[in-house]
């Protein structure tokens, strides 16, 4: 019985760690989405275009719910056209 209790406790601790890491990743994704949405790609140096495109493509591949969670994590909103980001800190 004690061994089962220890396993449950360890599982709970691991779950807390994973949830904390998820929150940190959501903040990174939300900040990246806000940054990408606020960029004018015509003004980016050519060397930065490949990286910006990779970030944008990866963010666009996320499920809508995850992107909403990420934007909420940094209190950001992106307008309907995806052209501007509004961060309300």
N, C-alpha and C. Protein backbone atom coordinates (compact mmCIF):
# COMPACT_ATOMS: atom_id res chain seq x y z
N UNK A 1 0.82 -1.20 0.00
CA UNK A 1 0.00 0.00 0.00
C UNK A 1 0.86 1.26 0.00
N UNK A 2 1.94 1.24 0.76
CA UNK A 2 2.81 2.41 0.82
C UNK A 2 3.47 2.67 -0.53
N UNK A 3 3.85 1.58 -1.21
CA UNK A 3 4.49 1.72 -2.52
C UNK A 3 3.54 2.38 -3.51
N UNK A 4 2.26 2.02 -3.45
CA UNK A 4 1.28 2.62 -4.35
C UNK A 4 1.12 4.12 -4.04
N UNK A 5 1.11 4.46 -2.78
CA UNK A 5 1.00 5.85 -2.36
C UNK A 5 2.20 6.67 -2.86
N UNK A 6 3.38 6.09 -2.79
CA UNK A 6 4.58 6.76 -3.28
C UNK A 6 4.51 6.97 -4.79
N UNK A 7 4.02 5.96 -5.50
CA UNK A 7 3.89 6.08 -6.95
C UNK A 7 2.90 7.17 -7.33
N UNK A 8 1.79 7.23 -6.59
CA UNK A 8 0.79 8.26 -6.86
C UNK A 8 1.37 9.64 -6.58
N UNK A 9 2.14 9.74 -5.50
CA UNK A 9 2.78 11.01 -5.16
C UNK A 9 3.79 11.42 -6.23
N UNK A 10 4.58 10.47 -6.69
CA UNK A 10 5.56 10.76 -7.74
C UNK A 10 4.86 11.18 -9.03
N UNK A 11 3.77 10.51 -9.35
CA UNK A 11 3.01 10.84 -10.55
C UNK A 11 2.44 12.26 -10.44
N UNK A 12 1.93 12.61 -9.28
CA UNK A 12 1.42 13.96 -9.05
C UNK A 12 2.50 15.01 -9.22
N UNK A 13 3.69 14.72 -8.67
CA UNK A 13 4.82 15.65 -8.80
C UNK A 13 5.22 15.81 -10.25
N UNK A 14 5.27 14.70 -10.97
CA UNK A 14 5.64 14.75 -12.39
C UNK A 14 4.62 15.55 -13.19
N UNK A 15 3.36 15.37 -12.86
CA UNK A 15 2.29 16.11 -13.55
C UNK A 15 2.42 17.60 -13.29
N UNK A 16 2.75 17.99 -12.08
CA UNK A 16 2.95 19.41 -11.76
C UNK A 16 4.12 19.98 -12.57
N UNK A 17 5.20 19.22 -12.70
CA UNK A 17 6.35 19.66 -13.49
C UNK A 17 5.94 19.85 -14.95
N UNK A 18 5.21 18.88 -15.49
CA UNK A 18 4.79 18.97 -16.89
C UNK A 18 3.85 20.15 -17.13
N UNK A 19 2.96 20.40 -16.20
CA UNK A 19 2.05 21.54 -16.35
C UNK A 19 2.81 22.86 -16.28
N UNK A 20 3.81 22.93 -15.43
CA UNK A 20 4.63 24.14 -15.34
C UNK A 20 5.42 24.35 -16.64
N UNK A 21 5.96 23.26 -17.17
CA UNK A 21 6.70 23.36 -18.44
C UNK A 21 5.76 23.74 -19.58
N UNK A 22 4.54 23.23 -19.57
CA UNK A 22 3.56 23.58 -20.61
C UNK A 22 3.27 25.07 -20.56
N UNK A 23 3.10 25.61 -19.35
CA UNK A 23 2.82 27.04 -19.22
C UNK A 23 3.97 27.88 -19.76
N UNK A 24 5.21 27.46 -19.47
CA UNK A 24 6.38 28.19 -19.97
C UNK A 24 6.43 28.12 -21.50
N UNK A 25 6.15 26.95 -22.06
CA UNK A 25 6.15 26.81 -23.52
C UNK A 25 5.03 27.63 -24.15
N UNK A 26 3.87 27.68 -23.51
CA UNK A 26 2.78 28.50 -24.03
C UNK A 26 3.18 29.97 -24.05
N UNK A 27 3.90 30.42 -23.05
CA UNK A 27 4.35 31.81 -23.02
C UNK A 27 5.32 32.09 -24.16
N UNK A 28 6.22 31.16 -24.42
CA UNK A 28 7.17 31.34 -25.53
C UNK A 28 6.43 31.38 -26.86
N UNK A 29 5.51 30.46 -27.05
CA UNK A 29 4.76 30.41 -28.31
C UNK A 29 3.90 31.66 -28.47
N UNK A 30 3.26 32.10 -27.40
CA UNK A 30 2.43 33.31 -27.47
C UNK A 30 3.25 34.53 -27.81
N UNK A 31 4.41 34.65 -27.18
CA UNK A 31 5.29 35.80 -27.47
C UNK A 31 5.79 35.73 -28.91
N UNK A 32 6.15 34.54 -29.37
CA UNK A 32 6.62 34.39 -30.75
C UNK A 32 5.51 34.72 -31.74
N UNK A 33 4.29 34.26 -31.44
CA UNK A 33 3.15 34.55 -32.33
C UNK A 33 2.89 36.05 -32.40
N UNK A 34 2.95 36.71 -31.25
CA UNK A 34 2.73 38.16 -31.24
C UNK A 34 3.84 38.88 -32.01
N UNK A 35 5.06 38.44 -31.85
CA UNK A 35 6.19 39.04 -32.56
C UNK A 35 6.04 38.85 -34.06
N UNK A 36 5.77 37.64 -34.50
CA UNK A 36 5.64 37.36 -35.93
C UNK A 36 4.49 38.15 -36.53
N UNK A 37 3.36 38.23 -35.79
CA UNK A 37 2.20 38.96 -36.32
C UNK A 37 2.48 40.45 -36.44
N UNK A 38 3.40 40.96 -35.64
CA UNK A 38 3.66 42.40 -35.68
C UNK A 38 4.77 42.78 -36.66
N UNK A 39 5.44 41.80 -37.24
CA UNK A 39 6.53 42.09 -38.18
C UNK A 39 6.02 42.46 -39.56
N UNK A 40 6.75 43.31 -40.21
CA UNK A 40 6.52 43.60 -41.62
C UNK A 40 7.61 42.85 -42.38
N UNK A 41 7.23 41.77 -43.01
CA UNK A 41 8.23 40.90 -43.66
C UNK A 41 9.03 41.62 -44.74
N UNK A 42 8.48 42.69 -45.28
CA UNK A 42 9.22 43.44 -46.31
C UNK A 42 10.43 44.16 -45.72
N UNK A 43 10.40 44.38 -44.41
CA UNK A 43 11.49 45.10 -43.75
C UNK A 43 12.53 44.18 -43.11
N UNK A 44 12.26 42.89 -43.12
CA UNK A 44 13.20 41.94 -42.52
C UNK A 44 14.42 41.73 -43.42
N UNK A 45 15.58 41.59 -42.82
CA UNK A 45 16.76 41.23 -43.62
C UNK A 45 16.54 39.84 -44.22
N UNK A 46 17.04 39.60 -45.41
CA UNK A 46 16.85 38.30 -46.05
C UNK A 46 17.30 37.13 -45.16
N UNK A 47 18.34 37.31 -44.39
CA UNK A 47 18.83 36.23 -43.53
C UNK A 47 17.83 35.87 -42.44
N UNK A 48 16.98 36.80 -42.06
CA UNK A 48 16.00 36.54 -41.01
C UNK A 48 14.70 35.94 -41.55
N UNK A 49 14.49 36.04 -42.85
CA UNK A 49 13.25 35.56 -43.44
C UNK A 49 13.05 34.06 -43.24
N UNK A 50 14.09 33.27 -43.39
CA UNK A 50 13.96 31.82 -43.25
C UNK A 50 13.53 31.46 -41.83
N UNK A 51 14.14 32.09 -40.84
CA UNK A 51 13.77 31.82 -39.45
C UNK A 51 12.36 32.29 -39.15
N UNK A 52 12.01 33.47 -39.61
CA UNK A 52 10.66 34.00 -39.38
C UNK A 52 9.62 33.10 -40.04
N UNK A 53 9.92 32.62 -41.23
CA UNK A 53 9.00 31.73 -41.94
C UNK A 53 8.84 30.41 -41.18
N UNK A 54 9.92 29.88 -40.64
CA UNK A 54 9.86 28.64 -39.88
C UNK A 54 9.00 28.82 -38.63
N UNK A 55 9.19 29.93 -37.92
CA UNK A 55 8.39 30.19 -36.73
C UNK A 55 6.92 30.35 -37.11
N UNK A 56 6.64 31.12 -38.14
CA UNK A 56 5.26 31.34 -38.57
C UNK A 56 4.59 30.04 -39.01
N UNK A 57 5.29 29.23 -39.78
CA UNK A 57 4.74 27.96 -40.25
C UNK A 57 4.45 27.02 -39.08
N UNK A 58 5.36 26.97 -38.12
CA UNK A 58 5.17 26.12 -36.96
C UNK A 58 3.99 26.58 -36.11
N UNK A 59 3.89 27.88 -35.91
CA UNK A 59 2.77 28.43 -35.13
C UNK A 59 1.45 28.17 -35.84
N UNK A 60 1.43 28.35 -37.16
CA UNK A 60 0.20 28.14 -37.92
C UNK A 60 -0.25 26.68 -37.91
N UNK A 61 0.67 25.76 -37.66
CA UNK A 61 0.33 24.34 -37.62
C UNK A 61 -0.28 23.91 -36.28
N UNK A 62 -0.23 24.80 -35.29
CA UNK A 62 -0.79 24.47 -33.98
C UNK A 62 -2.31 24.42 -34.04
N UNK A 63 -2.90 23.55 -33.24
CA UNK A 63 -4.37 23.58 -33.13
C UNK A 63 -4.82 24.93 -32.58
N UNK A 64 -5.98 25.39 -33.02
CA UNK A 64 -6.49 26.71 -32.61
C UNK A 64 -6.54 26.87 -31.09
N UNK A 65 -6.95 25.84 -30.39
CA UNK A 65 -7.07 25.92 -28.93
C UNK A 65 -5.70 26.16 -28.28
N UNK A 66 -4.67 25.51 -28.79
CA UNK A 66 -3.33 25.70 -28.24
C UNK A 66 -2.85 27.12 -28.51
N UNK A 67 -3.09 27.62 -29.71
CA UNK A 67 -2.68 29.00 -30.03
C UNK A 67 -3.43 30.00 -29.16
N UNK A 68 -4.71 29.77 -28.95
CA UNK A 68 -5.48 30.67 -28.06
C UNK A 68 -4.90 30.64 -26.64
N UNK A 69 -4.57 29.44 -26.15
CA UNK A 69 -3.96 29.32 -24.82
C UNK A 69 -2.62 30.05 -24.76
N UNK A 70 -1.84 29.94 -25.84
CA UNK A 70 -0.52 30.59 -25.89
C UNK A 70 -0.67 32.11 -25.89
N UNK A 71 -1.59 32.62 -26.67
CA UNK A 71 -1.81 34.07 -26.70
C UNK A 71 -2.34 34.57 -25.36
N UNK A 72 -3.20 33.79 -24.74
CA UNK A 72 -3.72 34.17 -23.42
C UNK A 72 -2.61 34.16 -22.38
N UNK A 73 -1.64 33.27 -22.53
CA UNK A 73 -0.55 33.17 -21.56
C UNK A 73 0.29 34.45 -21.52
N UNK A 74 0.32 35.18 -22.63
CA UNK A 74 1.08 36.45 -22.67
C UNK A 74 0.14 37.64 -22.83
N UNK A 75 -1.14 37.39 -22.66
CA UNK A 75 -2.17 38.43 -22.80
C UNK A 75 -2.06 39.16 -24.13
N UNK A 76 -1.97 38.38 -25.20
CA UNK A 76 -1.85 38.96 -26.54
C UNK A 76 -3.05 38.57 -27.39
N UNK A 77 -3.35 39.42 -28.33
CA UNK A 77 -4.40 39.15 -29.31
C UNK A 77 -3.85 39.47 -30.68
N UNK A 78 -4.29 38.72 -31.67
CA UNK A 78 -3.90 38.98 -33.05
C UNK A 78 -5.18 39.31 -33.81
N UNK A 79 -5.13 40.38 -34.61
CA UNK A 79 -6.35 40.79 -35.31
C UNK A 79 -6.80 39.73 -36.30
N UNK A 80 -8.00 39.91 -36.82
CA UNK A 80 -8.63 38.92 -37.68
C UNK A 80 -7.79 38.52 -38.89
N UNK A 81 -7.06 39.46 -39.45
CA UNK A 81 -6.25 39.17 -40.63
C UNK A 81 -4.90 38.57 -40.25
N UNK A 82 -4.62 38.49 -38.95
CA UNK A 82 -3.33 37.97 -38.50
C UNK A 82 -2.19 38.93 -38.79
N UNK A 83 -2.52 40.21 -38.94
CA UNK A 83 -1.51 41.17 -39.34
C UNK A 83 -0.90 41.95 -38.18
N UNK A 84 -1.63 42.11 -37.11
CA UNK A 84 -1.12 42.91 -35.99
C UNK A 84 -1.32 42.15 -34.70
N UNK A 85 -0.37 42.31 -33.81
CA UNK A 85 -0.48 41.69 -32.49
C UNK A 85 -0.65 42.79 -31.46
N UNK A 86 -1.51 42.54 -30.52
CA UNK A 86 -1.75 43.47 -29.43
C UNK A 86 -1.44 42.76 -28.14
N UNK A 87 -0.47 43.25 -27.40
CA UNK A 87 -0.10 42.68 -26.11
C UNK A 87 -0.58 43.64 -25.04
N UNK A 88 -1.37 43.13 -24.11
CA UNK A 88 -1.94 43.99 -23.08
C UNK A 88 -1.39 43.63 -21.71
N UNK A 89 -0.13 44.02 -21.48
CA UNK A 89 0.49 43.72 -20.18
C UNK A 89 0.14 44.75 -19.18
